[in-house]
Amino acid sequence: MKLSILMPVYNEEERVADALKQALAVDYPCEIELVVVDDGSRDGTGEILGRVDDTRLRVITHPRNAGKGAAIKSAVDNADGEYMVILDADLEYDPQDIPKLLAPVLDGRATVVYGNRTFGSHSAYSFWYVMGNKAVTTAANVLFNSYIGDLETCFKLMPVALYRSLDVRSRGFGMEAEVTGKLLRRRIRPYEVPISYRARGREEGKKITWKDGVEALFILGRERTRRRALPGRR
């Protein structure tokens, strides 16, 4: 199996070199590629990406910032692996956890795996950030009669073909809710494994806001009430 690690990057010149180094240093149980999408960065991110010499790395550049969902779409369109996982470049997630996500797939227990963050005082950006995440996750569980622990997690591992079939349209952070809503609508329940997490604050470049939470709730409601596609259609 080949795993495509998809990394959207926007104005991360202070962290992207470490993010790449950490991702490429992991002892993976399978072949990997790292597909990085520079989503219209205006700082030195592009120059840093251009200096990395590793045959496993591929860089795609957007001329303008289009949003996380759009960056992931570009990465998925160019992925060569059978499976994919998203890894942000902000160092909040530890790529050493990716083999833990792969384990249930490699031993045949799961097809879709989410990394579940256990928020604590050392790992939470703020009280309202954690409560917002819990509210969105609870809404998904109520709407789809499911029980997942962390809808907004970046670590979503699944077959590349499955992600493509979801036809994700959200261009920003709303893609997290859209992916989960469409999976749950298909009665695909993610297998969850605990992961480590360290949230950064606004002063460190945290980009998600309460507006993204409101959008996520709207998207979940839309996916729950959307009419079922006719045979041969999505």
Protein backbone atom coordinates (compact mmCIF):
# COMPACT_ATOMS: atom_id res chain seq x y z
CA MET A 1 0.00 0.00 0.00
CA LYS A 2 1.13 3.52 -0.74
CA LEU A 3 0.03 6.39 1.51
CA SER A 4 -0.32 9.95 0.22
CA ILE A 5 0.24 12.50 2.99
CA LEU A 6 -1.50 15.71 1.95
CA MET A 7 -0.21 18.96 3.45
CA PRO A 8 -1.98 22.28 2.76
CA VAL A 9 0.29 25.24 3.50
CA TYR A 10 -0.49 28.94 3.76
CA ASN A 11 2.01 31.49 5.14
CA GLU A 12 3.87 29.00 7.35
CA GLU A 13 7.47 30.08 6.79
CA GLU A 14 8.27 29.71 10.51
CA ARG A 15 7.03 26.12 10.71
CA VAL A 16 6.95 24.49 7.30
CA ALA A 17 10.60 23.34 7.31
CA ASP A 18 10.10 21.56 10.65
CA ALA A 19 6.75 20.17 9.48
CA LEU A 20 8.35 18.62 6.40
CA LYS A 21 11.33 17.30 8.37
CA GLN A 22 9.08 15.66 10.95
CA ALA A 23 6.74 14.14 8.35
CA LEU A 24 9.58 12.67 6.29
CA ALA A 25 11.45 11.32 9.34
CA VAL A 26 8.68 8.94 10.47
CA ASP A 27 9.27 5.19 10.08
CA TYR A 28 6.13 4.36 8.12
CA PRO A 29 4.93 0.77 7.66
CA CYS A 30 4.34 1.38 3.95
CA GLU A 31 5.52 3.47 1.01
CA ILE A 32 4.58 7.15 1.25
CA GLU A 33 4.54 10.36 -0.75
CA LEU A 34 4.17 13.87 0.66
CA VAL A 35 2.03 16.12 -1.52
CA VAL A 36 2.33 19.75 -0.40
CA VAL A 37 0.03 22.46 -1.72
CA ASP A 38 1.31 26.01 -1.23
CA ASP A 39 -2.04 27.77 -1.15
CA GLY A 40 -0.97 31.22 -2.33
CA SER A 41 1.50 31.97 0.47
CA ARG A 42 2.80 35.55 0.49
CA ASP A 43 5.75 35.00 2.83
CA GLY A 44 8.85 32.84 2.37
CA THR A 45 7.01 29.51 2.37
CA GLY A 46 7.51 28.93 -1.37
CA GLU A 47 11.27 29.49 -1.18
CA ILE A 48 11.58 27.05 1.73
CA LEU A 49 9.61 24.39 -0.12
CA GLY A 50 11.83 24.84 -3.16
CA ARG A 51 14.96 24.04 -1.14
CA VAL A 52 13.78 20.63 0.11
CA ASP A 53 15.43 17.75 -1.74
CA ASP A 54 13.52 14.51 -1.21
CA THR A 55 12.13 12.25 -3.92
CA ARG A 56 9.03 11.57 -1.78
CA LEU A 57 8.04 15.26 -1.83
CA ARG A 58 5.87 16.90 -4.48
CA VAL A 59 4.91 20.60 -4.35
CA ILE A 60 1.86 22.14 -6.01
CA THR A 61 1.42 25.91 -6.00
CA HIS A 62 -1.81 27.90 -6.07
CA PRO A 63 -1.36 31.43 -7.47
CA ARG A 64 -3.88 32.75 -4.90
CA ASN A 65 -5.14 31.58 -1.55
CA ALA A 66 -8.19 29.41 -2.16
CA GLY A 67 -8.78 27.77 1.24
CA LYS A 68 -8.02 24.45 2.90
CA GLY A 69 -10.70 22.52 1.05
CA ALA A 70 -9.42 23.75 -2.31
CA ALA A 71 -5.83 22.90 -1.34
CA ILE A 72 -6.83 19.37 -0.35
CA LYS A 73 -8.71 18.94 -3.63
CA SER A 74 -5.56 19.86 -5.57
CA ALA A 75 -3.53 17.44 -3.46
CA VAL A 76 -6.05 14.61 -3.92
CA ASP A 77 -6.21 15.21 -7.67
CA ASN A 78 -2.43 14.72 -7.80
CA ALA A 79 -2.12 11.88 -5.26
CA ASP A 80 -0.66 8.56 -6.42
CA GLY A 81 -1.36 6.55 -3.27
CA GLU A 82 -4.19 4.15 -2.54
CA TYR A 83 -4.79 5.81 0.83
CA MET A 84 -4.51 9.41 1.99
CA VAL A 85 -4.22 11.33 5.23
CA ILE A 86 -4.25 15.07 5.81
CA LEU A 87 -1.43 16.66 7.83
CA ASP A 88 -1.44 20.40 8.46
CA ALA A 89 1.87 22.27 8.45
CA ASP A 90 1.25 24.12 11.72
CA LEU A 91 2.93 21.51 13.99
CA GLU A 92 -0.26 21.00 16.00
CA TYR A 93 -0.35 17.34 14.97
CA ASP A 94 2.46 14.81 15.38
CA PRO A 95 3.17 12.77 12.22
CA GLN A 96 4.52 10.04 14.50
CA ASP A 97 0.83 9.23 15.11
CA ILE A 98 0.19 8.39 11.44
CA PRO A 99 1.37 4.74 11.80
CA LYS A 100 -1.24 4.40 14.57
CA LEU A 101 -3.90 5.49 12.10
CA LEU A 102 -2.62 3.02 9.53
CA ALA A 103 -2.65 0.03 11.89
CA PRO A 104 -6.44 -0.66 11.79
CA VAL A 105 -6.33 -0.47 7.98
CA LEU A 106 -3.33 -2.73 7.55
CA ASP A 107 -4.80 -5.42 9.80
CA GLY A 108 -8.22 -5.26 8.14
CA ARG A 109 -10.23 -3.69 10.96
CA ALA A 110 -11.14 -0.42 9.26
CA THR A 111 -11.29 1.53 6.01
CA VAL A 112 -11.66 5.07 7.40
CA VAL A 113 -9.70 6.14 10.49
CA TYR A 114 -9.88 9.43 12.41
CA GLY A 115 -7.36 10.67 14.94
CA ASN A 116 -9.25 11.61 18.12
CA ARG A 117 -7.79 14.50 20.12
CA THR A 118 -8.15 14.37 23.89
CA PHE A 119 -8.18 18.01 24.88
CA GLY A 120 -6.40 19.04 28.07
CA SER A 121 -4.89 22.19 29.51
CA HIS A 122 -1.68 21.57 27.56
CA SER A 123 -3.42 20.92 24.24
CA ALA A 124 -6.39 23.31 24.05
CA TYR A 125 -6.26 26.66 22.28
CA SER A 126 -9.07 28.04 24.43
CA PHE A 127 -12.22 27.00 26.28
CA TRP A 128 -14.44 28.26 23.48
CA TYR A 129 -12.39 26.48 20.81
CA VAL A 130 -12.86 23.15 22.58
CA MET A 131 -16.57 23.81 23.26
CA GLY A 132 -17.10 24.77 19.63
CA ASN A 133 -15.45 21.57 18.48
CA LYS A 134 -17.60 19.54 20.86
CA ALA A 135 -20.76 21.34 19.70
CA VAL A 136 -20.08 20.58 16.03
CA THR A 137 -19.22 16.95 16.81
CA THR A 138 -22.35 16.56 18.95
CA ALA A 139 -24.49 18.02 16.16
CA ALA A 140 -23.12 15.42 13.73
CA ASN A 141 -23.81 12.62 16.21
CA VAL A 142 -27.40 13.77 16.75
CA LEU A 143 -28.14 14.35 13.08
CA PHE A 144 -26.68 11.04 11.90
CA ASN A 145 -27.30 8.91 15.01
CA SER A 146 -23.59 8.20 15.31
CA TYR A 147 -20.99 8.47 18.04
CA ILE A 148 -17.72 9.99 16.88
CA GLY A 149 -15.44 11.88 19.22
CA ASP A 150 -13.73 14.52 17.06
CA LEU A 151 -15.26 15.69 13.79
CA GLU A 152 -12.85 18.56 13.21
CA THR A 153 -9.68 16.50 13.52
CA CYS A 154 -7.17 17.07 10.74
CA PHE A 155 -6.14 13.40 10.81
CA LYS A 156 -8.64 11.75 8.48
CA LEU A 157 -7.27 8.64 6.79
CA MET A 158 -9.22 6.92 4.02
CA PRO A 159 -8.89 5.52 0.48
CA VAL A 160 -8.09 8.19 -2.10
CA ALA A 161 -10.87 6.82 -4.32
CA LEU A 162 -13.38 7.22 -1.48
CA TYR A 163 -12.43 10.87 -0.89
CA ARG A 164 -12.72 11.60 -4.59
CA SER A 165 -16.18 10.02 -4.67
CA LEU A 166 -17.38 12.33 -1.89
CA ASP A 167 -17.12 15.28 -4.30
CA VAL A 168 -16.22 17.75 -1.55
CA ARG A 169 -17.19 21.27 -2.60
CA SER A 170 -16.25 23.34 0.49
CA ARG A 171 -13.19 25.43 -0.26
CA GLY A 172 -12.36 26.41 3.31
CA PHE A 173 -12.41 24.75 6.74
CA GLY A 174 -15.97 23.61 6.05
CA MET A 175 -14.49 20.65 4.21
CA GLU A 176 -14.00 18.90 7.59
CA ALA A 177 -17.75 18.88 8.28
CA GLU A 178 -18.61 18.07 4.67
CA VAL A 179 -16.31 15.04 4.58
CA THR A 180 -17.69 13.68 7.85
CA GLY A 181 -21.31 14.44 6.95
CA LYS A 182 -21.00 12.64 3.63
CA LEU A 183 -19.29 9.63 5.22
CA LEU A 184 -21.96 9.35 7.93
CA ARG A 185 -24.69 9.80 5.34
CA ARG A 186 -23.27 6.74 3.59
CA ARG A 187 -23.27 4.95 6.96
CA ILE A 188 -19.47 4.85 7.00
CA ARG A 189 -18.45 5.22 10.65
CA PRO A 190 -14.80 6.25 11.14
CA TYR A 191 -12.64 4.07 13.37
CA GLU A 192 -11.01 6.38 15.93
CA VAL A 193 -7.58 6.18 17.55
CA PRO A 194 -6.21 8.59 20.20
CA ILE A 195 -3.60 11.08 19.01
CA SER A 196 -1.46 13.79 20.56
CA TYR A 197 -2.24 17.45 19.89
CA ARG A 198 -0.90 20.89 20.77
CA ALA A 199 -3.03 23.81 19.66
CA ARG A 200 -1.40 27.10 18.78
CA GLY A 201 -2.98 30.46 19.59
CA ARG A 202 -4.00 33.44 17.48
CA GLU A 203 -0.63 35.09 18.00
CA GLU A 204 1.00 32.00 16.51
CA GLY A 205 -1.17 32.08 13.41
CA LYS A 206 -4.30 30.11 14.34
CA LYS A 207 -6.70 30.66 11.44
CA ILE A 208 -9.98 28.93 12.29
CA THR A 209 -12.71 31.15 13.84
CA TRP A 210 -16.23 30.86 15.26
CA LYS A 211 -17.59 31.58 11.78
CA ASP A 212 -16.12 28.28 10.60
CA GLY A 213 -18.06 26.54 13.39
CA VAL A 214 -21.31 28.10 12.23
CA GLU A 215 -20.54 27.06 8.66
CA ALA A 216 -19.84 23.50 9.83
CA LEU A 217 -23.27 23.29 11.50
CA PHE A 218 -24.94 24.54 8.31
CA ILE A 219 -23.06 21.99 6.20
CA LEU A 220 -23.99 19.11 8.52
CA GLY A 221 -27.66 20.12 8.35
CA ARG A 222 -27.49 20.36 4.58
CA GLU A 223 -25.93 16.92 4.24
CA ARG A 224 -28.47 15.36 6.59
CA THR A 225 -31.46 16.73 4.68
CA ARG A 226 -30.06 16.36 1.18
CA ARG A 227 -32.08 14.01 -0.99
CA ARG A 228 -30.52 10.67 -1.76
CA ALA A 229 -28.88 10.53 -5.16
CA LEU A 230 -30.45 8.39 -7.84
CA PRO A 231 -28.50 5.30 -8.97
CA GLY A 232 -25.47 6.38 -10.97
CA ARG A 233 -25.40 9.81 -9.34
CA ARG A 234 -23.68 11.11 -6.19
